[in-house]
Amino acid sequence: TTRRTAAASALAASHLARADASRLLIVGAGRVAAVMAEA
């Protein structure tokens, strides 16, 4: 659950975030939040 959730967000970001996006804000500090930067 944790890793596929973050991976789905990253998959969406590969289509929707700017190509040069370098600054990430994570709101939350649980399991998914903990791996979101890596994803």
Full PDB file with SEQRES, HELIX, SHEET, SSBOND, CRYST1, ORIGX, SCALE, CONECT and MASTER records, all heavy atoms in Angstrom:
SEQRES   1 A   39  THR THR ARG ARG THR ALA ALA ALA SER ALA LEU ALA ALA          
SEQRES   2 A   39  SER HIS LEU ALA ARG ALA ASP ALA SER ARG LEU LEU ILE          
SEQRES   3 A   39  VAL GLY ALA GLY ARG VAL ALA ALA VAL MET ALA GLU ALA          
HELIX    1 AA1 THR A    2  LEU A   16  1                                  15    
HELIX    2 AA2 ARG A   31  MET A   36  1                                   6    
CRYST1    1.000    1.000    1.000  90.00  90.00  90.00 P 1           1          
ORIGX1      1.000000  0.000000  0.000000        0.00000                         
ORIGX2      0.000000  1.000000  0.000000        0.00000                         
ORIGX3      0.000000  0.000000  1.000000        0.00000                         
SCALE1      1.000000  0.000000  0.000000        0.00000                         
SCALE2      0.000000  1.000000  0.000000        0.00000                         
SCALE3      0.000000  0.000000  1.000000        0.00000                         
ATOM      1  N   THR A   1       0.827  -1.210   0.000  1.00  0.00           N  
ATOM      2  CA  THR A   1       0.000   0.000   0.000  1.00  0.00           C  
ATOM      3  C   THR A   1       0.858   1.256   0.000  1.00  0.00           C  
ATOM      4  O   THR A   1       0.645   2.182  -0.792  1.00  0.00           O  
ATOM      5  CB  THR A   1      -0.923   0.014   1.224  1.00  0.00           C  
ATOM      6  OG1 THR A   1      -1.772  -1.133   1.193  1.00  0.00           O  
ATOM      7  CG2 THR A   1      -1.782   1.268   1.244  1.00  0.00           C  
ATOM      8  N   THR A   2       1.835   1.302   0.890  1.00  0.00           N  
ATOM      9  CA  THR A   2       2.679   2.478   1.017  1.00  0.00           C  
ATOM     10  C   THR A   2       3.416   2.792  -0.272  1.00  0.00           C  
ATOM     11  O   THR A   2       3.366   3.915  -0.794  1.00  0.00           O  
ATOM     12  CB  THR A   2       3.704   2.280   2.152  1.00  0.00           C  
ATOM     13  OG1 THR A   2       3.003   2.145   3.391  1.00  0.00           O  
ATOM     14  CG2 THR A   2       4.672   3.447   2.234  1.00  0.00           C  
ATOM     15  N   ARG A   3       4.068   1.779  -0.826  1.00  0.00           N  
ATOM     16  CA  ARG A   3       4.947   2.034  -1.966  1.00  0.00           C  
ATOM     17  C   ARG A   3       4.162   2.195  -3.266  1.00  0.00           C  
ATOM     18  O   ARG A   3       4.522   3.017  -4.106  1.00  0.00           O  
ATOM     19  CB  ARG A   3       6.016   0.942  -2.058  1.00  0.00           C  
ATOM     20  CG  ARG A   3       6.912   0.934  -0.819  1.00  0.00           C  
ATOM     21  CD  ARG A   3       8.077  -0.016  -0.936  1.00  0.00           C  
ATOM     22  NE  ARG A   3       9.112   0.477  -1.827  1.00  0.00           N  
ATOM     23  CZ  ARG A   3      10.054   1.351  -1.484  1.00  0.00           C  
ATOM     24  NH1 ARG A   3      10.080   1.876  -0.277  1.00  0.00           N  
ATOM     25  NH2 ARG A   3      10.977   1.726  -2.348  1.00  0.00           N  
ATOM     26  N   ARG A   4       3.080   1.465  -3.444  1.00  0.00           N  
ATOM     27  CA  ARG A   4       2.317   1.669  -4.684  1.00  0.00           C  
ATOM     28  C   ARG A   4       1.585   2.999  -4.661  1.00  0.00           C  
ATOM     29  O   ARG A   4       1.369   3.624  -5.690  1.00  0.00           O  
ATOM     30  CB  ARG A   4       1.379   0.496  -4.960  1.00  0.00           C  
ATOM     31  CG  ARG A   4       0.225   0.242  -4.004  1.00  0.00           C  
ATOM     32  CD  ARG A   4      -0.966   1.178  -4.208  1.00  0.00           C  
ATOM     33  NE  ARG A   4      -2.211   0.629  -3.734  1.00  0.00           N  
ATOM     34  CZ  ARG A   4      -3.219   1.353  -3.295  1.00  0.00           C  
ATOM     35  NH1 ARG A   4      -3.125   2.682  -3.212  1.00  0.00           N  
ATOM     36  NH2 ARG A   4      -4.338   0.771  -2.922  1.00  0.00           N  
ATOM     37  N   THR A   5       1.191   3.493  -3.455  1.00  0.00           N  
ATOM     38  CA  THR A   5       0.546   4.798  -3.364  1.00  0.00           C  
ATOM     39  C   THR A   5       1.505   5.897  -3.785  1.00  0.00           C  
ATOM     40  O   THR A   5       1.164   6.780  -4.584  1.00  0.00           O  
ATOM     41  CB  THR A   5       0.041   5.048  -1.937  1.00  0.00           C  
ATOM     42  OG1 THR A   5      -0.904   4.028  -1.580  1.00  0.00           O  
ATOM     43  CG2 THR A   5      -0.631   6.413  -1.826  1.00  0.00           C  
ATOM     44  N   ALA A   6       2.713   5.858  -3.247  1.00  0.00           N  
ATOM     45  CA  ALA A   6       3.711   6.855  -3.625  1.00  0.00           C  
ATOM     46  C   ALA A   6       4.103   6.710  -5.088  1.00  0.00           C  
ATOM     47  O   ALA A   6       4.315   7.708  -5.788  1.00  0.00           O  
ATOM     48  CB  ALA A   6       4.934   6.730  -2.726  1.00  0.00           C  
ATOM     49  N   ALA A   7       4.190   5.466  -5.561  1.00  0.00           N  
ATOM     50  CA  ALA A   7       4.553   5.233  -6.964  1.00  0.00           C  
ATOM     51  C   ALA A   7       3.479   5.767  -7.908  1.00  0.00           C  
ATOM     52  O   ALA A   7       3.794   6.312  -8.976  1.00  0.00           O  
ATOM     53  CB  ALA A   7       4.776   3.746  -7.210  1.00  0.00           C  
ATOM     54  N   ALA A   8       2.204   5.628  -7.541  1.00  0.00           N  
ATOM     55  CA  ALA A   8       1.123   6.158  -8.369  1.00  0.00           C  
ATOM     56  C   ALA A   8       1.196   7.681  -8.440  1.00  0.00           C  
ATOM     57  O   ALA A   8       0.968   8.288  -9.495  1.00  0.00           O  
ATOM     58  CB  ALA A   8      -0.235   5.721  -7.825  1.00  0.00           C  
ATOM     59  N   SER A   9       1.532   8.311  -7.309  1.00  0.00           N  
ATOM     60  CA  SER A   9       1.706   9.764  -7.307  1.00  0.00           C  
ATOM     61  C   SER A   9       2.859  10.169  -8.220  1.00  0.00           C  
ATOM     62  O   SER A   9       2.775  11.156  -8.960  1.00  0.00           O  
ATOM     63  CB  SER A   9       1.971  10.259  -5.890  1.00  0.00           C  
ATOM     64  OG  SER A   9       0.804  10.194  -5.105  1.00  0.00           O  
ATOM     65  N   ALA A  10       3.943   9.407  -8.162  1.00  0.00           N  
ATOM     66  CA  ALA A  10       5.094   9.703  -9.017  1.00  0.00           C  
ATOM     67  C   ALA A  10       4.759   9.472 -10.487  1.00  0.00           C  
ATOM     68  O   ALA A  10       5.185  10.239 -11.360  1.00  0.00           O  
ATOM     69  CB  ALA A  10       6.281   8.847  -8.597  1.00  0.00           C  
ATOM     70  N   LEU A  11       3.989   8.428 -10.771  1.00  0.00           N  
ATOM     71  CA  LEU A  11       3.559   8.175 -12.141  1.00  0.00           C  
ATOM     72  C   LEU A  11       2.734   9.350 -12.660  1.00  0.00           C  
ATOM     73  O   LEU A  11       2.931   9.817 -13.791  1.00  0.00           O  
ATOM     74  CB  LEU A  11       2.755   6.878 -12.198  1.00  0.00           C  
ATOM     75  CG  LEU A  11       2.152   6.487 -13.555  1.00  0.00           C  
ATOM     76  CD1 LEU A  11       3.225   6.366 -14.629  1.00  0.00           C  
ATOM     77  CD2 LEU A  11       1.364   5.171 -13.415  1.00  0.00           C  
ATOM     78  N   ALA A  12       1.818   9.841 -11.839  1.00  0.00           N  
ATOM     79  CA  ALA A  12       1.027  11.011 -12.233  1.00  0.00           C  
ATOM     80  C   ALA A  12       1.924  12.225 -12.430  1.00  0.00           C  
ATOM     81  O   ALA A  12       1.773  12.982 -13.400  1.00  0.00           O  
ATOM     82  CB  ALA A  12      -0.041  11.301 -11.182  1.00  0.00           C  
ATOM     83  N   ALA A  13       2.878  12.424 -11.520  1.00  0.00           N  
ATOM     84  CA  ALA A  13       3.779  13.568 -11.613  1.00  0.00           C  
ATOM     85  C   ALA A  13       4.635  13.517 -12.872  1.00  0.00           C  
ATOM     86  O   ALA A  13       5.025  14.558 -13.409  1.00  0.00           O  
ATOM     87  CB  ALA A  13       4.676  13.638 -10.382  1.00  0.00           C  
ATOM     88  N   SER A  14       4.926  12.310 -13.366  1.00  0.00           N  
ATOM     89  CA  SER A  14       5.722  12.192 -14.589  1.00  0.00           C  
ATOM     90  C   SER A  14       4.981  12.785 -15.783  1.00  0.00           C  
ATOM     91  O   SER A  14       5.600  13.142 -16.792  1.00  0.00           O  
ATOM     92  CB  SER A  14       6.082  10.727 -14.860  1.00  0.00           C  
ATOM     93  OG  SER A  14       4.948   9.971 -15.283  1.00  0.00           O  
ATOM     94  N   HIS A  15       3.654  12.899 -15.674  1.00  0.00           N  
ATOM     95  CA  HIS A  15       2.846  13.503 -16.728  1.00  0.00           C  
ATOM     96  C   HIS A  15       2.439  14.940 -16.397  1.00  0.00           C  
ATOM     97  O   HIS A  15       2.177  15.735 -17.310  1.00  0.00           O  
ATOM     98  CB  HIS A  15       1.562  12.691 -16.941  1.00  0.00           C  
ATOM     99  CG  HIS A  15       1.784  11.326 -17.498  1.00  0.00           C  
ATOM    100  ND1 HIS A  15       1.899  11.072 -18.840  1.00  0.00           N  
ATOM    101  CD2 HIS A  15       1.902  10.121 -16.871  1.00  0.00           C  
ATOM    102  CE1 HIS A  15       2.076   9.777 -19.043  1.00  0.00           C  
ATOM    103  NE2 HIS A  15       2.085   9.177 -17.858  1.00  0.00           N  
ATOM    104  N   LEU A  16       2.365  15.271 -15.098  1.00  0.00           N  
ATOM    105  CA  LEU A  16       1.709  16.505 -14.691  1.00  0.00           C  
ATOM    106  C   LEU A  16       2.626  17.549 -14.054  1.00  0.00           C  
ATOM    107  O   LEU A  16       2.302  18.738 -14.081  1.00  0.00           O  
ATOM    108  CB  LEU A  16       0.567  16.187 -13.720  1.00  0.00           C  
ATOM    109  CG  LEU A  16      -0.502  15.223 -14.243  1.00  0.00           C  
ATOM    110  CD1 LEU A  16      -1.531  14.928 -13.162  1.00  0.00           C  
ATOM    111  CD2 LEU A  16      -1.178  15.783 -15.490  1.00  0.00           C  
ATOM    112  N   ALA A  17       3.722  17.138 -13.450  1.00  0.00           N  
ATOM    113  CA  ALA A  17       4.635  18.107 -12.836  1.00  0.00           C  
ATOM    114  C   ALA A  17       5.575  18.670 -13.896  1.00  0.00           C  
ATOM    115  O   ALA A  17       5.880  18.013 -14.892  1.00  0.00           O  
ATOM    116  CB  ALA A  17       5.437  17.454 -11.714  1.00  0.00           C  
ATOM    117  N   ARG A  18       6.051  19.899 -13.681  1.00  0.00           N  
ATOM    118  CA  ARG A  18       7.022  20.476 -14.597  1.00  0.00           C  
ATOM    119  C   ARG A  18       8.272  19.608 -14.662  1.00  0.00           C  
ATOM    120  O   ARG A  18       8.686  19.004 -13.663  1.00  0.00           O  
ATOM    121  CB  ARG A  18       7.427  21.884 -14.155  1.00  0.00           C  
ATOM    122  CG  ARG A  18       6.322  22.913 -14.210  1.00  0.00           C  
ATOM    123  CD  ARG A  18       6.896  24.340 -14.164  1.00  0.00           C  
ATOM    124  NE  ARG A  18       8.075  24.460 -13.317  1.00  0.00           N  
ATOM    125  CZ  ARG A  18       8.052  24.746 -12.018  1.00  0.00           C  
ATOM    126  NH1 ARG A  18       6.880  24.903 -11.410  1.00  0.00           N  
ATOM    127  NH2 ARG A  18       9.166  24.855 -11.345  1.00  0.00           N  
ATOM    128  N   ALA A  19       8.897  19.560 -15.807  1.00  0.00           N  
ATOM    129  CA  ALA A  19      10.083  18.722 -15.989  1.00  0.00           C  
ATOM    130  C   ALA A  19      11.222  19.146 -15.071  1.00  0.00           C  
ATOM    131  O   ALA A  19      12.064  18.310 -14.693  1.00  0.00           O  
ATOM    132  CB  ALA A  19      10.538  18.758 -17.445  1.00  0.00           C  
ATOM    133  N   ASP A  20      11.256  20.418 -14.693  1.00  0.00           N  
ATOM    134  CA  ASP A  20      12.341  20.908 -13.849  1.00  0.00           C  
ATOM    135  C   ASP A  20      11.956  20.992 -12.373  1.00  0.00           C  
ATOM    136  O   ASP A  20      12.678  21.606 -11.571  1.00  0.00           O  
ATOM    137  CB  ASP A  20      12.808  22.281 -14.337  1.00  0.00           C  
ATOM    138  CG  ASP A  20      11.717  23.353 -14.213  1.00  0.00           C  
ATOM    139  OD1 ASP A  20      10.544  22.990 -13.938  1.00  0.00           O  
ATOM    140  OD2 ASP A  20      12.030  24.548 -14.384  1.00  0.00           O  
ATOM    141  N   ALA A  21      10.854  20.377 -11.978  1.00  0.00           N  
ATOM    142  CA  ALA A  21      10.391  20.444 -10.587  1.00  0.00           C  
ATOM    143  C   ALA A  21      11.445  19.860  -9.649  1.00  0.00           C  
ATOM    144  O   ALA A  21      11.804  18.682  -9.760  1.00  0.00           O  
ATOM    145  CB  ALA A  21       9.071  19.697 -10.433  1.00  0.00           C  
ATOM    146  N   SER A  22      11.923  20.667  -8.724  1.00  0.00           N  
ATOM    147  CA  SER A  22      12.987  20.219  -7.820  1.00  0.00           C  
ATOM    148  C   SER A  22      12.654  20.425  -6.353  1.00  0.00           C  
ATOM    149  O   SER A  22      13.337  19.889  -5.488  1.00  0.00           O  
ATOM    150  CB  SER A  22      14.294  20.946  -8.143  1.00  0.00           C  
ATOM    151  OG  SER A  22      14.157  22.344  -7.934  1.00  0.00           O  
ATOM    152  N   ARG A  23      11.599  21.211  -6.066  1.00  0.00           N  
ATOM    153  CA  ARG A  23      11.245  21.499  -4.675  1.00  0.00           C  
ATOM    154  C   ARG A  23       9.927  20.823  -4.319  1.00  0.00           C  
ATOM    155  O   ARG A  23       8.891  21.099  -4.922  1.00  0.00           O  
ATOM    156  CB  ARG A  23      11.132  23.010  -4.465  1.00  0.00           C  
ATOM    157  CG  ARG A  23      12.475  23.730  -4.568  1.00  0.00           C  
ATOM    158  CD  ARG A  23      12.325  25.236  -4.477  1.00  0.00           C  
ATOM    159  NE  ARG A  23      11.625  25.771  -5.644  1.00  0.00           N  
ATOM    160  CZ  ARG A  23      11.447  27.064  -5.853  1.00  0.00           C  
ATOM    161  NH1 ARG A  23      11.887  27.956  -4.990  1.00  0.00           N  
ATOM    162  NH2 ARG A  23      10.818  27.479  -6.935  1.00  0.00           N  
ATOM    163  N   LEU A  24       9.996  19.936  -3.356  1.00  0.00           N  
ATOM    164  CA  LEU A  24       8.841  19.132  -2.950  1.00  0.00           C  
ATOM    165  C   LEU A  24       8.417  19.506  -1.535  1.00  0.00           C  
ATOM    166  O   LEU A  24       9.250  19.560  -0.622  1.00  0.00           O  
ATOM    167  CB  LEU A  24       9.199  17.641  -3.004  1.00  0.00           C  
ATOM    168  CG  LEU A  24       8.189  16.649  -2.413  1.00  0.00           C  
ATOM    169  CD1 LEU A  24       6.901  16.632  -3.234  1.00  0.00           C  
ATOM    170  CD2 LEU A  24       8.796  15.243  -2.357  1.00  0.00           C  
ATOM    171  N   LEU A  25       7.134  19.747  -1.353  1.00  0.00           N  
ATOM    172  CA  LEU A  25       6.555  19.924  -0.022  1.00  0.00           C  
ATOM    173  C   LEU A  25       5.756  18.677   0.306  1.00  0.00           C  
ATOM    174  O   LEU A  25       4.846  18.291  -0.439  1.00  0.00           O  
ATOM    175  CB  LEU A  25       5.645  21.145   0.023  1.00  0.00           C  
ATOM    176  CG  LEU A  25       4.748  21.280   1.273  1.00  0.00           C  
ATOM    177  CD1 LEU A  25       5.583  21.410   2.532  1.00  0.00           C  
ATOM    178  CD2 LEU A  25       3.782  22.460   1.131  1.00  0.00           C  
ATOM    179  N   ILE A  26       6.086  18.043   1.408  1.00  0.00           N  
ATOM    180  CA  ILE A  26       5.347  16.873   1.880  1.00  0.00           C  
ATOM    181  C   ILE A  26       4.498  17.299   3.061  1.00  0.00           C  
ATOM    182  O   ILE A  26       5.011  17.820   4.056  1.00  0.00           O  
ATOM    183  CB  ILE A  26       6.301  15.734   2.299  1.00  0.00           C  
ATOM    184  CG1 ILE A  26       7.149  15.283   1.112  1.00  0.00           C  
ATOM    185  CG2 ILE A  26       5.508  14.568   2.875  1.00  0.00           C  
ATOM    186  CD1 ILE A  26       8.212  14.263   1.488  1.00  0.00           C  
ATOM    187  N   VAL A  27       3.205  17.078   2.953  1.00  0.00           N  
ATOM    188  CA  VAL A  27       2.271  17.407   4.023  1.00  0.00           C  
ATOM    189  C   VAL A  27       1.861  16.088   4.675  1.00  0.00           C  
ATOM    190  O   VAL A  27       1.154  15.276   4.077  1.00  0.00           O  
ATOM    191  CB  VAL A  27       1.046  18.167   3.484  1.00  0.00           C  
ATOM    192  CG1 VAL A  27       0.080  18.503   4.616  1.00  0.00           C  
ATOM    193  CG2 VAL A  27       1.491  19.439   2.765  1.00  0.00           C  
ATOM    194  N   GLY A  28       2.323  15.880   5.893  1.00  0.00           N  
ATOM    195  CA  GLY A  28       2.135  14.611   6.578  1.00  0.00           C  
ATOM    196  C   GLY A  28       3.482  14.009   6.922  1.00  0.00           C  
ATOM    197  O   GLY A  28       4.523  14.422   6.386  1.00  0.00           O  
ATOM    198  N   ALA A  29       3.475  13.037   7.815  1.00  0.00           N  
ATOM    199  CA  ALA A  29       4.735  12.416   8.222  1.00  0.00           C  
ATOM    200  C   ALA A  29       4.565  10.926   8.491  1.00  0.00           C  
ATOM    201  O   ALA A  29       5.349  10.330   9.225  1.00  0.00           O  
ATOM    202  CB  ALA A  29       5.291  13.109   9.475  1.00  0.00           C  
ATOM    203  N   GLY A  30       3.538  10.335   7.885  1.00  0.00           N  
ATOM    204  CA  GLY A  30       3.286   8.906   8.072  1.00  0.00           C  
ATOM    205  C   GLY A  30       4.042   8.056   7.074  1.00  0.00           C  
ATOM    206  O   GLY A  30       5.036   8.485   6.461  1.00  0.00           O  
ATOM    207  N   ARG A  31       3.559   6.835   6.870  1.00  0.00           N  
ATOM    208  CA  ARG A  31       4.266   5.871   6.018  1.00  0.00           C  
ATOM    209  C   ARG A  31       4.412   6.347   4.588  1.00  0.00           C  
ATOM    210  O   ARG A  31       5.497   6.275   4.003  1.00  0.00           O  
ATOM    211  CB  ARG A  31       3.515   4.535   6.025  1.00  0.00           C  
ATOM    212  CG  ARG A  31       3.691   3.713   7.286  1.00  0.00           C  
ATOM    213  CD  ARG A  31       2.828   2.486   7.206  1.00  0.00           C  
ATOM    214  NE  ARG A  31       2.996   1.606   8.347  1.00  0.00           N  
ATOM    215  CZ  ARG A  31       2.097   0.723   8.740  1.00  0.00           C  
ATOM    216  NH1 ARG A  31       0.949   0.614   8.079  1.00  0.00           N  
ATOM    217  NH2 ARG A  31       2.321  -0.057   9.778  1.00  0.00           N  
ATOM    218  N   VAL A  32       3.308   6.803   3.986  1.00  0.00           N  
ATOM    219  CA  VAL A  32       3.372   7.247   2.597  1.00  0.00           C  
ATOM    220  C   VAL A  32       4.227   8.503   2.478  1.00  0.00           C  
ATOM    221  O   VAL A  32       5.056   8.621   1.573  1.00  0.00           O  
ATOM    222  CB  VAL A  32       1.962   7.482   2.030  1.00  0.00           C  
ATOM    223  CG1 VAL A  32       2.038   8.073   0.627  1.00  0.00           C  
ATOM    224  CG2 VAL A  32       1.171   6.177   2.003  1.00  0.00           C  
ATOM    225  N   ALA A  33       4.033   9.435   3.383  1.00  0.00           N  
ATOM    226  CA  ALA A  33       4.833  10.659   3.362  1.00  0.00           C  
ATOM    227  C   ALA A  33       6.319  10.346   3.446  1.00  0.00           C  
ATOM    228  O   ALA A  33       7.144  11.007   2.800  1.00  0.00           O  
ATOM    229  CB  ALA A  33       4.418  11.565   4.518  1.00  0.00           C  
ATOM    230  N   ALA A  34       6.670   9.313   4.205  1.00  0.00           N  
ATOM    231  CA  ALA A  34       8.073   8.984   4.432  1.00  0.00           C  
ATOM    232  C   ALA A  34       8.786   8.518   3.165  1.00  0.00           C  
ATOM    233  O   ALA A  34      10.012   8.634   3.067  1.00  0.00           O  
ATOM    234  CB  ALA A  34       8.187   7.909   5.514  1.00  0.00           C  
ATOM    235  N   VAL A  35       8.048   7.983   2.188  1.00  0.00           N  
ATOM    236  CA  VAL A  35       8.690   7.486   0.962  1.00  0.00           C  
ATOM    237  C   VAL A  35       8.367   8.355  -0.257  1.00  0.00           C  
ATOM    238  O   VAL A  35       8.819   8.057  -1.357  1.00  0.00           O  
ATOM    239  CB  VAL A  35       8.284   6.020   0.680  1.00  0.00           C  
ATOM    240  CG1 VAL A  35       8.731   5.119   1.812  1.00  0.00           C  
ATOM    241  CG2 VAL A  35       6.787   5.883   0.429  1.00  0.00           C  
ATOM    242  N   MET A  36       7.595   9.417  -0.063  1.00  0.00           N  
ATOM    243  CA  MET A  36       7.164  10.217  -1.206  1.00  0.00           C  
ATOM    244  C   MET A  36       8.329  10.902  -1.909  1.00  0.00           C  
ATOM    245  O   MET A  36       8.354  10.987  -3.155  1.00  0.00           O  
ATOM    246  CB  MET A  36       6.136  11.250  -0.761  1.00  0.00           C  
ATOM    247  CG  MET A  36       5.457  11.970  -1.912  1.00  0.00           C  
ATOM    248  SD  MET A  36       4.573  10.858  -3.039  1.00  0.00           S  
ATOM    249  CE  MET A  36       3.101  10.510  -2.052  1.00  0.00           C  
ATOM    250  N   ALA A  37       9.299  11.397  -1.161  1.00  0.00           N  
ATOM    251  CA  ALA A  37      10.443  12.070  -1.790  1.00  0.00           C  
ATOM    252  C   ALA A  37      11.227  11.096  -2.663  1.00  0.00           C  
ATOM    253  O   ALA A  37      11.636  11.432  -3.784  1.00  0.00           O  
ATOM    254  CB  ALA A  37      11.342  12.681  -0.719  1.00  0.00           C  
ATOM    255  N   GLU A  38      11.458   9.894  -2.156  1.00  0.00           N  
ATOM    256  CA  GLU A  38      12.169   8.878  -2.931  1.00  0.00           C  
ATOM    257  C   GLU A  38      11.416   8.544  -4.211  1.00  0.00           C  
ATOM    258  O   GLU A  38      12.009   8.403  -5.289  1.00  0.00           O  
ATOM    259  CB  GLU A  38      12.353   7.623  -2.079  1.00  0.00           C  
ATOM    260  CG  GLU A  38      13.103   6.507  -2.786  1.00  0.00           C  
ATOM    261  CD  GLU A  38      13.128   5.217  -1.979  1.00  0.00           C  
ATOM    262  OE1 GLU A  38      12.600   5.206  -0.841  1.00  0.00           O  
ATOM    263  OE2 GLU A  38      13.655   4.214  -2.500  1.00  0.00           O  
ATOM    264  N   ALA A  39      10.085   8.409  -4.110  1.00  0.00           N  
ATOM    265  CA  ALA A  39       9.284   8.089  -5.294  1.00  0.00           C  
ATOM    266  C   ALA A  39       9.333   9.229  -6.309  1.00  0.00           C  
ATOM    267  O   ALA A  39       9.558   9.000  -7.512  1.00  0.00           O  
ATOM    268  CB  ALA A  39       7.838   7.814  -4.883  1.00  0.00           C  
TER     269      ALA A  39                                                      
MASTER        0    0    0    2    0    0    0    6  268    1    0    3          
END                                                                             
